[in-house]
C-alpha atoms as a PDB file:
ATOM      1  CA  MET A   1      -8.320  34.018 -30.875  1.00  0.00           C
ATOM      2  CA  ALA A   2      -8.435  33.654 -27.105  1.00  0.00           C
ATOM      3  CA  GLN A   3     -11.949  32.398 -27.037  1.00  0.00           C
ATOM      4  CA  ARG A   4     -11.196  29.821 -29.803  1.00  0.00           C
ATOM      5  CA  THR A   5      -8.137  28.701 -27.806  1.00  0.00           C
ATOM      6  CA  ALA A   6     -10.259  28.288 -24.504  1.00  0.00           C
ATOM      7  CA  ARG A   7     -13.038  26.487 -26.385  1.00  0.00           C
ATOM      8  CA  SER A   8     -10.530  24.139 -27.926  1.00  0.00           C
ATOM      9  CA  ARG A   9      -8.995  23.238 -24.460  1.00  0.00           C
ATOM     10  CA  ARG A  10     -12.568  22.617 -23.237  1.00  0.00           C
ATOM     11  CA  LEU A  11     -13.190  20.297 -25.882  1.00  0.00           C
ATOM     12  CA  ALA A  12      -9.917  18.563 -25.341  1.00  0.00           C
ATOM     13  CA  THR A  13     -10.907  17.737 -21.801  1.00  0.00           C
ATOM     14  CA  VAL A  14     -14.136  15.975 -22.821  1.00  0.00           C
ATOM     15  CA  PRO A  15     -12.363  12.504 -23.726  1.00  0.00           C
ATOM     16  CA  ALA A  16     -10.454  12.873 -20.391  1.00  0.00           C
ATOM     17  CA  LEU A  17     -13.809  13.179 -18.496  1.00  0.00           C
ATOM     18  CA  LEU A  18     -15.366  10.411 -20.464  1.00  0.00           C
ATOM     19  CA  ALA A  19     -12.472   7.957 -19.761  1.00  0.00           C
ATOM     20  CA  ARG A  20     -12.593   8.861 -16.036  1.00  0.00           C
ATOM     21  CA  HIS A  21     -16.353   8.135 -15.824  1.00  0.00           C
ATOM     22  CA  SER A  22     -15.950   5.017 -17.863  1.00  0.00           C
ATOM     23  CA  GLY A  23     -12.886   3.278 -16.329  1.00  0.00           C
ATOM     24  CA  PRO A  24     -12.760   0.354 -13.900  1.00  0.00           C
ATOM     25  CA  ASP A  25     -13.876   2.392 -10.851  1.00  0.00           C
ATOM     26  CA  ALA A  26     -16.912   3.657 -12.736  1.00  0.00           C
ATOM     27  CA  ALA A  27     -17.909   0.092 -13.966  1.00  0.00           C
ATOM     28  CA  PHE A  28     -17.494  -1.214 -10.295  1.00  0.00           C
ATOM     29  CA  GLY A  29     -19.575   1.617  -9.049  1.00  0.00           C
ATOM     30  CA  ARG A  30     -22.354   0.853 -11.456  1.00  0.00           C
ATOM     31  CA  ARG A  31     -22.295  -2.767 -10.553  1.00  0.00           C
ATOM     32  CA  LEU A  32     -22.372  -2.084  -6.921  1.00  0.00           C
ATOM     33  CA  VAL A  33     -25.302   0.303  -7.232  1.00  0.00           C
ATOM     34  CA  LEU A  34     -27.037  -2.437  -9.407  1.00  0.00           C
ATOM     35  CA  ALA A  35     -26.359  -5.288  -7.042  1.00  0.00           C
ATOM     36  CA  VAL A  36     -27.593  -3.217  -3.946  1.00  0.00           C
ATOM     37  CA  THR A  37     -30.743  -2.190  -6.037  1.00  0.00           C
ATOM     38  CA  ALA A  38     -31.500  -5.699  -7.177  1.00  0.00           C
ATOM     39  CA  THR A  39     -30.953  -7.322  -3.845  1.00  0.00           C
ATOM     40  CA  ALA A  40     -33.136  -4.638  -2.133  1.00  0.00           C
ATOM     41  CA  ALA A  41     -35.834  -5.027  -4.568  1.00  0.00           C
ATOM     42  CA  VAL A  42     -36.157  -8.850  -4.078  1.00  0.00           C
ATOM     43  CA  ALA A  43     -35.722  -8.445  -0.275  1.00  0.00           C
ATOM     44  CA  VAL A  44     -38.514  -5.884   0.174  1.00  0.00           C
ATOM     45  CA  PRO A  45     -41.267  -8.452  -0.452  1.00  0.00           C
ATOM     46  CA  PHE A  46     -39.933 -10.942   2.152  1.00  0.00           C
ATOM     47  CA  ALA A  47     -39.515  -7.854   4.648  1.00  0.00           C
ATOM     48  CA  LEU A  48     -43.130  -6.937   3.917  1.00  0.00           C
ATOM     49  CA  ALA A  49     -44.355 -10.538   4.320  1.00  0.00           C
ATOM     50  CA  LEU A  50     -42.283 -10.628   7.693  1.00  0.00           C
ATOM     51  CA  VAL A  51     -43.968  -7.421   8.910  1.00  0.00           C
ATOM     52  CA  LEU A  52     -47.558  -8.688   7.967  1.00  0.00           C
ATOM     53  CA  VAL A  53     -47.016 -12.020   9.862  1.00  0.00           C
ATOM     54  CA  GLU A  54     -45.316 -10.279  13.007  1.00  0.00           C
ATOM     55  CA  SER A  55     -48.210  -7.841  13.076  1.00  0.00           C
ATOM     56  CA  ARG A  56     -50.864 -10.472  12.728  1.00  0.00           C
ATOM     57  CA  TRP A  57     -52.401  -8.526   9.769  1.00  0.00           C
ATOM     58  CA  PRO A  58     -56.122  -9.676   9.853  1.00  0.00           C
ATOM     59  CA  PRO A  59     -56.499 -10.309   6.094  1.00  0.00           C
ATOM     60  CA  LEU A  60     -53.418 -12.495   6.062  1.00  0.00           C
ATOM     61  CA  TYR A  61     -54.402 -14.326   9.238  1.00  0.00           C
ATOM     62  CA  ARG A  62     -58.012 -14.885   7.629  1.00  0.00           C
ATOM     63  CA  LEU A  63     -56.366 -16.380   4.596  1.00  0.00           C
ATOM     64  CA  ASP A  64     -53.964 -18.564   6.384  1.00  0.00           C
ATOM     65  CA  ARG A  65     -56.616 -19.790   8.583  1.00  0.00           C
ATOM     66  CA  ALA A  66     -59.304 -20.419   5.940  1.00  0.00           C
ATOM     67  CA  THR A  67     -56.790 -22.175   3.550  1.00  0.00           C
ATOM     68  CA  ALA A  68     -55.565 -24.486   6.304  1.00  0.00           C
ATOM     69  CA  ASP A  69     -59.085 -25.420   7.328  1.00  0.00           C
ATOM     70  CA  ARG A  70     -60.300 -26.137   3.860  1.00  0.00           C
ATOM     71  CA  LEU A  71     -57.045 -28.251   2.995  1.00  0.00           C
ATOM     72  CA  HIS A  72     -57.314 -30.044   6.417  1.00  0.00           C
ATOM     73  CA  ARG A  73     -60.769 -31.286   5.779  1.00  0.00           C
ATOM     74  CA  THR A  74     -59.746 -32.491   2.351  1.00  0.00           C
ATOM     75  CA  ALA A  75     -56.975 -34.465   3.998  1.00  0.00           C
ATOM     76  CA  LEU A  76     -59.103 -36.079   6.587  1.00  0.00           C
ATOM     77  CA  GLU A  77     -61.598 -37.156   3.987  1.00  0.00           C
ATOM     78  CA  HIS A  78     -58.911 -38.686   1.771  1.00  0.00           C
ATOM     79  CA  PRO A  79     -56.175 -40.603   3.587  1.00  0.00           C
ATOM     80  CA  ALA A  80     -54.522 -42.128   0.486  1.00  0.00           C
ATOM     81  CA  TRP A  81     -54.060 -38.562  -0.836  1.00  0.00           C
ATOM     82  CA  VAL A  82     -52.185 -37.859   2.586  1.00  0.00           C
ATOM     83  CA  ARG A  83     -49.725 -40.662   1.957  1.00  0.00           C
ATOM     84  CA  VAL A  84     -49.120 -39.165  -1.508  1.00  0.00           C
ATOM     85  CA  LEU A  85     -48.364 -35.896  -0.142  1.00  0.00           C
ATOM     86  CA  ASP A  86     -46.114 -37.253   2.636  1.00  0.00           C
ATOM     87  CA  PHE A  87     -43.900 -39.164   0.135  1.00  0.00           C
ATOM     88  CA  PHE A  88     -43.521 -36.021  -1.839  1.00  0.00           C
ATOM     89  CA  THR A  89     -42.791 -33.784   0.884  1.00  0.00           C
ATOM     90  CA  GLY A  90     -40.679 -36.217   3.040  1.00  0.00           C
ATOM     91  CA  VAL A  91     -38.733 -37.964   0.238  1.00  0.00           C
ATOM     92  CA  VAL A  92     -38.913 -36.246  -3.242  1.00  0.00           C
ATOM     93  CA  TRP A  93     -38.837 -32.696  -2.203  1.00  0.00           C
ATOM     94  CA  ASP A  94     -37.324 -33.100   1.228  1.00  0.00           C
ATOM     95  CA  PRO A  95     -34.682 -30.404   2.001  1.00  0.00           C
ATOM     96  CA  VAL A  96     -32.220 -33.247   2.526  1.00  0.00           C
ATOM     97  CA  THR A  97     -32.871 -34.697  -0.896  1.00  0.00           C
ATOM     98  CA  MET A  98     -32.623 -31.274  -2.523  1.00  0.00           C
ATOM     99  CA  ARG A  99     -29.395 -30.452  -0.718  1.00  0.00           C
ATOM    100  CA  LEU A 100     -27.796 -33.876  -1.621  1.00  0.00           C
ATOM    101  CA  LEU A 101     -28.655 -33.028  -5.184  1.00  0.00           C
ATOM    102  CA  VAL A 102     -26.709 -29.706  -4.874  1.00  0.00           C
ATOM    103  CA  ALA A 103     -23.946 -31.466  -3.136  1.00  0.00           C
ATOM    104  CA  ALA A 104     -23.582 -33.904  -5.988  1.00  0.00           C
ATOM    105  CA  LEU A 105     -23.611 -31.109  -8.458  1.00  0.00           C
ATOM    106  CA  VAL A 106     -20.816 -29.383  -6.394  1.00  0.00           C
ATOM    107  CA  VAL A 107     -18.766 -32.532  -6.591  1.00  0.00           C
ATOM    108  CA  TRP A 108     -19.317 -32.689 -10.397  1.00  0.00           C
ATOM    109  CA  LEU A 109     -18.388 -29.067 -10.822  1.00  0.00           C
ATOM    110  CA  LEU A 110     -15.090 -29.683  -8.908  1.00  0.00           C
ATOM    111  CA  THR A 111     -14.160 -32.662 -11.322  1.00  0.00           C
ATOM    112  CA  ARG A 112     -14.853 -30.079 -14.101  1.00  0.00           C
ATOM    113  CA  ARG A 113     -12.294 -27.663 -12.505  1.00  0.00           C
ATOM    114  CA  ALA A 114     -15.267 -25.046 -12.250  1.00  0.00           C
ATOM    115  CA  TRP A 115     -14.055 -23.805  -8.802  1.00  0.00           C
ATOM    116  CA  ARG A 116     -15.901 -20.663  -8.540  1.00  0.00           C
ATOM    117  CA  LEU A 117     -19.280 -22.191  -9.974  1.00  0.00           C
ATOM    118  CA  ALA A 118     -18.849 -24.988  -7.430  1.00  0.00           C
ATOM    119  CA  THR A 119     -18.187 -22.350  -4.784  1.00  0.00           C
ATOM    120  CA  TRP A 120     -21.321 -20.403  -5.694  1.00  0.00           C
ATOM    121  CA  ALA A 121     -23.570 -23.431  -5.679  1.00  0.00           C
ATOM    122  CA  ALA A 122     -22.364 -24.420  -2.175  1.00  0.00           C
ATOM    123  CA  VAL A 123     -22.558 -21.101  -0.732  1.00  0.00           C
ATOM    124  CA  THR A 124     -25.962 -20.471  -2.192  1.00  0.00           C
ATOM    125  CA  ALA A 125     -27.375 -23.663  -0.634  1.00  0.00           C
ATOM    126  CA  THR A 126     -25.572 -23.395   2.748  1.00  0.00           C
ATOM    127  CA  SER A 127     -26.344 -19.611   3.285  1.00  0.00           C
ATOM    128  CA  GLY A 128     -29.917 -20.329   2.418  1.00  0.00           C
ATOM    129  CA  ALA A 129     -30.190 -23.209   4.975  1.00  0.00           C
ATOM    130  CA  LEU A 130     -28.477 -21.008   7.774  1.00  0.00           C
ATOM    131  CA  ILE A 131     -30.511 -17.813   6.932  1.00  0.00           C
ATOM    132  CA  GLY A 132     -33.743 -19.675   6.908  1.00  0.00           C
ATOM    133  CA  PHE A 133     -32.813 -21.418  10.380  1.00  0.00           C
ATOM    134  CA  LEU A 134     -31.782 -18.053  11.911  1.00  0.00           C
ATOM    135  CA  VAL A 135     -35.151 -16.217  10.671  1.00  0.00           C
ATOM    136  CA  LYS A 136     -37.278 -19.141  11.960  1.00  0.00           C
ATOM    137  CA  ASN A 137     -35.689 -18.849  15.426  1.00  0.00           C
ATOM    138  CA  VAL A 138     -35.946 -15.161  15.449  1.00  0.00           C
ATOM    139  CA  VAL A 139     -39.571 -14.962  14.427  1.00  0.00           C
ATOM    140  CA  GLU A 140     -40.649 -18.024  16.405  1.00  0.00           C
ATOM    141  CA  ARG A 141     -44.070 -18.463  14.780  1.00  0.00           C
ATOM    142  CA  ALA A 142     -46.021 -21.407  15.879  1.00  0.00           C
ATOM    143  CA  ARG A 143     -47.182 -23.998  13.603  1.00  0.00           C
ATOM    144  CA  PRO A 144     -50.816 -24.613  12.710  1.00  0.00           C
ATOM    145  CA  HIS A 145     -52.850 -26.267  15.452  1.00  0.00           C
ATOM    146  CA  LEU A 146     -55.464 -28.480  13.744  1.00  0.00           C
ATOM    147  CA  PRO A 147     -58.081 -30.965  15.174  1.00  0.00           C
ATOM    148  CA  GLU A 148     -56.956 -34.528  14.304  1.00  0.00           C
ATOM    149  CA  PRO A 149     -53.604 -33.493  12.608  1.00  0.00           C
ATOM    150  CA  VAL A 150     -52.602 -35.759   9.672  1.00  0.00           C
ATOM    151  CA  ALA A 151     -48.753 -34.779   9.980  1.00  0.00           C
ATOM    152  CA  HIS A 152     -46.295 -33.331  12.483  1.00  0.00           C
ATOM    153  CA  ALA A 153     -43.069 -31.156  12.102  1.00  0.00           C
ATOM    154  CA  PRO A 154     -40.751 -29.928  14.625  1.00  0.00           C
ATOM    155  CA  GLY A 155     -39.635 -26.290  15.175  1.00  0.00           C
ATOM    156  CA  PHE A 156     -41.026 -23.051  14.158  1.00  0.00           C
ATOM    157  CA  SER A 157     -43.140 -22.212  11.172  1.00  0.00           C
ATOM    158  CA  PHE A 158     -41.979 -18.985   9.368  1.00  0.00           C
ATOM    159  CA  PRO A 159     -40.480 -19.219   6.936  1.00  0.00           C
ATOM    160  CA  SER A 160     -41.032 -22.631   5.381  1.00  0.00           C
ATOM    161  CA  GLY A 161     -37.825 -24.473   5.353  1.00  0.00           C
ATOM    162  CA  HIS A 162     -39.134 -26.873   2.702  1.00  0.00           C
ATOM    163  CA  ALA A 163     -40.287 -24.090   0.345  1.00  0.00           C
ATOM    164  CA  MET A 164     -36.996 -22.175   0.816  1.00  0.00           C
ATOM    165  CA  ALA A 165     -34.734 -25.229   0.263  1.00  0.00           C
ATOM    166  CA  ALA A 166     -36.787 -26.170  -2.885  1.00  0.00           C
ATOM    167  CA  THR A 167     -36.532 -22.537  -4.208  1.00  0.00           C
ATOM    168  CA  THR A 168     -32.668 -22.315  -3.589  1.00  0.00           C
ATOM    169  CA  SER A 169     -31.782 -25.942  -4.635  1.00  0.00           C
ATOM    170  CA  CYS A 170     -33.997 -25.632  -8.034  1.00  0.00           C
ATOM    171  CA  ALA A 171     -32.360 -22.220  -8.797  1.00  0.00           C
ATOM    172  CA  VAL A 172     -28.905 -23.699  -8.450  1.00  0.00           C
ATOM    173  CA  LEU A 173     -29.535 -26.678 -10.479  1.00  0.00           C
ATOM    174  CA  LEU A 174     -31.056 -24.579 -13.134  1.00  0.00           C
ATOM    175  CA  LEU A 175     -28.528 -22.016 -13.453  1.00  0.00           C
ATOM    176  CA  VAL A 176     -25.734 -24.527 -13.567  1.00  0.00           C
ATOM    177  CA  LEU A 177     -27.126 -27.224 -15.799  1.00  0.00           C
ATOM    178  CA  LEU A 178     -29.181 -25.241 -18.334  1.00  0.00           C
ATOM    179  CA  PRO A 179     -26.242 -24.712 -20.526  1.00  0.00           C
ATOM    180  CA  LEU A 180     -26.028 -28.500 -20.779  1.00  0.00           C
ATOM    181  CA  VAL A 181     -29.632 -28.969 -22.007  1.00  0.00           C
ATOM    182  CA  PRO A 182     -30.420 -28.251 -25.711  1.00  0.00           C
ATOM    183  CA  ARG A 183     -32.362 -24.927 -26.268  1.00  0.00           C
ATOM    184  CA  ALA A 184     -35.437 -26.716 -27.472  1.00  0.00           C
ATOM    185  CA  TRP A 185     -35.697 -28.749 -24.394  1.00  0.00           C
ATOM    186  CA  ARG A 186     -34.924 -26.014 -21.795  1.00  0.00           C
ATOM    187  CA  PRO A 187     -38.556 -25.307 -21.135  1.00  0.00           C
ATOM    188  CA  LEU A 188     -38.769 -28.901 -19.551  1.00  0.00           C
ATOM    189  CA  PRO A 189     -36.220 -28.357 -16.665  1.00  0.00           C
ATOM    190  CA  TRP A 190     -37.901 -24.948 -15.981  1.00  0.00           C
ATOM    191  CA  ALA A 191     -41.290 -26.686 -15.565  1.00  0.00           C
ATOM    192  CA  LEU A 192     -39.780 -29.476 -13.334  1.00  0.00           C
ATOM    193  CA  ALA A 193     -38.314 -26.638 -10.993  1.00  0.00           C
ATOM    194  CA  VAL A 194     -41.614 -24.675 -11.022  1.00  0.00           C
ATOM    195  CA  THR A 195     -43.504 -27.829 -10.230  1.00  0.00           C
ATOM    196  CA  ALA A 196     -41.146 -28.690  -7.305  1.00  0.00           C
ATOM    197  CA  VAL A 197     -41.231 -25.214  -5.792  1.00  0.00           C
ATOM    198  CA  LEU A 198     -45.048 -24.871  -6.190  1.00  0.00           C
ATOM    199  CA  GLY A 199     -45.723 -28.507  -5.069  1.00  0.00           C
ATOM    200  CA  VAL A 200     -43.554 -28.479  -1.982  1.00  0.00           C
ATOM    201  CA  GLY A 201     -45.460 -25.420  -0.954  1.00  0.00           C
ATOM    202  CA  TYR A 202     -48.829 -27.113  -1.487  1.00  0.00           C
ATOM    203  CA  THR A 203     -47.785 -30.118   0.244  1.00  0.00           C
ATOM    204  CA  ARG A 204     -46.646 -28.337   3.354  1.00  0.00           C
ATOM    205  CA  VAL A 205     -49.997 -26.357   3.760  1.00  0.00           C
ATOM    206  CA  ALA A 206     -52.190 -29.531   2.855  1.00  0.00           C
ATOM    207  CA  LEU A 207     -50.543 -31.431   5.595  1.00  0.00           C
ATOM    208  CA  GLY A 208     -51.258 -28.811   8.063  1.00  0.00           C
ATOM    209  CA  VAL A 209     -47.643 -28.098   9.279  1.00  0.00           C
ATOM    210  CA  HIS A 210     -47.314 -24.567   7.407  1.00  0.00           C
ATOM    211  CA  TRP A 211     -49.602 -21.622   6.872  1.00  0.00           C
ATOM    212  CA  VAL A 212     -49.615 -20.202   3.417  1.00  0.00           C
ATOM    213  CA  SER A 213     -47.809 -17.202   4.377  1.00  0.00           C
ATOM    214  CA  ASP A 214     -44.886 -19.517   5.614  1.00  0.00           C
ATOM    215  CA  VAL A 215     -44.552 -20.892   2.089  1.00  0.00           C
ATOM    216  CA  VAL A 216     -44.654 -17.651   0.422  1.00  0.00           C
ATOM    217  CA  GLY A 217     -42.045 -16.204   3.011  1.00  0.00           C
ATOM    218  CA  GLY A 218     -39.766 -19.204   2.199  1.00  0.00           C
ATOM    219  CA  TRP A 219     -40.165 -18.664  -1.473  1.00  0.00           C
ATOM    220  CA  LEU A 220     -39.420 -14.869  -1.138  1.00  0.00           C
ATOM    221  CA  LEU A 221     -36.375 -15.344   1.225  1.00  0.00           C
ATOM    222  CA  GLY A 222     -34.918 -18.127  -1.184  1.00  0.00           C
ATOM    223  CA  ILE A 223     -35.121 -15.780  -4.181  1.00  0.00           C
ATOM    224  CA  ALA A 224     -33.427 -13.047  -2.295  1.00  0.00           C
ATOM    225  CA  VAL A 225     -30.404 -15.415  -1.344  1.00  0.00           C
ATOM    226  CA  VAL A 226     -29.941 -16.594  -4.939  1.00  0.00           C
ATOM    227  CA  THR A 227     -30.208 -13.090  -6.269  1.00  0.00           C
ATOM    228  CA  ALA A 228     -27.421 -11.893  -4.029  1.00  0.00           C
ATOM    229  CA  THR A 229     -25.055 -14.571  -4.645  1.00  0.00           C
ATOM    230  CA  THR A 230     -25.781 -14.713  -8.235  1.00  0.00           C
ATOM    231  CA  LEU A 231     -25.027 -10.838  -8.465  1.00  0.00           C
ATOM    232  CA  ALA A 232     -21.713 -11.529  -6.844  1.00  0.00           C
ATOM    233  CA  PHE A 233     -20.965 -14.321  -9.522  1.00  0.00           C
ATOM    234  CA  GLU A 234     -21.968 -11.939 -12.319  1.00  0.00           C
ATOM    235  CA  ALA A 235     -19.463  -9.405 -10.930  1.00  0.00           C
ATOM    236  CA  TRP A 236     -16.706 -11.974 -11.141  1.00  0.00           C
ATOM    237  CA  ARG A 237     -17.591 -12.586 -14.738  1.00  0.00           C
ATOM    238  CA  ALA A 238     -17.455  -8.989 -15.463  1.00  0.00           C
ATOM    239  CA  ASP A 239     -14.010  -8.623 -13.841  1.00  0.00           C
ATOM    240  CA  THR A 240     -12.605 -11.386 -15.988  1.00  0.00           C
ATOM    241  CA  GLY A 241     -13.976 -10.020 -19.192  1.00  0.00           C
ATOM    242  CA  ARG A 242     -16.786 -12.381 -19.773  1.00  0.00           C
ATOM    243  CA  ARG A 243     -20.092 -11.332 -21.170  1.00  0.00           C
ATOM    244  CA  ARG A 244     -23.117 -10.977 -19.059  1.00  0.00           C
ATOM    245  CA  THR A 245     -25.528 -13.975 -19.455  1.00  0.00           C
ATOM    246  CA  ALA A 246     -29.305 -14.022 -19.526  1.00  0.00           C
ATOM    247  CA  VAL A 247     -31.357 -16.278 -17.062  1.00  0.00           C
ATOM    248  CA  GLY A 248     -32.291 -18.601 -20.013  1.00  0.00           C
ATOM    249  CA  GLU A 249     -28.685 -19.370 -20.839  1.00  0.00           C
ATOM    250  CA  GLY A 250     -27.607 -20.359 -17.223  1.00  0.00           C
ATOM    251  CA  LEU A 251     -25.127 -18.868 -15.056  1.00  0.00           C
ATOM    252  CA  GLU A 252     -21.912 -19.953 -16.979  1.00  0.00           C
ATOM    253  CA  PRO A 253     -22.675 -21.136 -20.576  1.00  0.00           C
ATOM    254  CA  GLU A 254     -18.939 -21.924 -20.813  1.00  0.00           C
ATOM    255  CA  ILE A 255     -19.552 -25.200 -18.568  1.00  0.00           C
ATOM    256  CA  SER A 256     -20.979 -26.848 -21.681  1.00  0.00           C
ATOM    257  CA  SER A 257     -17.613 -27.067 -23.488  1.00  0.00           C
ATOM    258  CA  ASP A 258     -14.614 -29.305 -22.750  1.00  0.00           C
ATOM    259  CA  ALA A 259     -12.454 -26.542 -22.234  1.00  0.00           C
ATOM    260  CA  ASP A 260     -11.458 -25.070 -18.797  1.00  0.00           C
ATOM    261  CA  PRO A 261     -14.778 -23.318 -17.926  1.00  0.00           C
ATOM    262  CA  GLU A 262     -12.859 -20.625 -15.757  1.00  0.00           C
ATOM    263  CA  ALA A 263      -9.958 -19.945 -18.242  1.00  0.00           C
ATOM    264  CA  PRO A 264      -9.567 -16.197 -18.941  1.00  0.00           C
ATOM    265  CA  SER A 265     -11.428 -14.741 -21.863  1.00  0.00           C
ATOM    266  CA  HIS A 266      -9.487 -13.565 -24.780  1.00  0.00           C
ATOM    267  CA  GLU A 267     -10.475 -10.176 -24.220  1.00  0.00           C
ATOM    268  CA  ALA A 268      -9.375 -10.228 -20.438  1.00  0.00           C
ATOM    269  CA  ALA A 269      -6.018 -12.021 -21.406  1.00  0.00           C
ATOM    270  CA  ALA A 270      -5.305  -9.240 -24.143  1.00  0.00           C
ATOM    271  CA  ALA A 271      -6.331  -6.293 -21.898  1.00  0.00           C
ATOM    272  CA  PRO A 272      -2.974  -5.871 -19.875  1.00  0.00           C
ATOM    273  CA  SER A 273      -0.869  -5.783 -22.829  1.00  0.00           C
ATOM    274  CA  ASP A 274      -3.126  -3.183 -24.569  1.00  0.00           C
ATOM    275  CA  ARG A 275      -2.445  -0.761 -21.621  1.00  0.00           C
ATOM    276  CA  VAL A 276      -0.356   2.197 -22.237  1.00  0.00           C
ATOM    277  CA  THR A 277       2.162   3.128 -19.553  1.00  0.00           C
END
């Protein structure tokens, strides 16, 4: 009888232990670990690229030099092509153009009363620009020096500001606007974003103002910034009772409706009244 009573007591403690390990604190801990892991995972490639650039790793140096020389010869042989590249890199994909698009998006979000989504977009674009500037001035890598240069650019080289601005800006535009695009048409904005990100990287190397590793570094750092801010936004969604979203859905699918995109979900609104005190 005593053994049966002790066994019953142990079984009775199981629900309490499960509740303790599945409550808000446990959920926060899991989200925190996931956020740190994901941010570290996307930051490691950039850190590796930075180490290889700083140590002047011979294979990377040879790749940078060979690519720059080959594309520079092509540029010298085709002046009209240089003008096309200069138009795209200096007008269409210029960081100022990309950030103005994000600024216009932020204004639109504010008119929709999507305060947190507007804050996320603004913080992502601004922090990306500041982090890129700081890293450039810490690394102080010189730009390529080529005979008969076809283009010039001020400042340091690593990471490419154009590549980073295109990465963060296109990610912001995609993650916000995808819910407004019919599902059948969503491959189109993805294709446009990928074209812009890859295209701006090509123009910077082809014009001789960046090394290949500068462009790759800009892409990787931009991805790391977007990942960190997106995880913070997803944590807010979880805290308000909203479901997790897939990348293909956009960051906040509710933005496509006419209702307040940040109104508390029915589950979150009902949660306080369901508590037992």
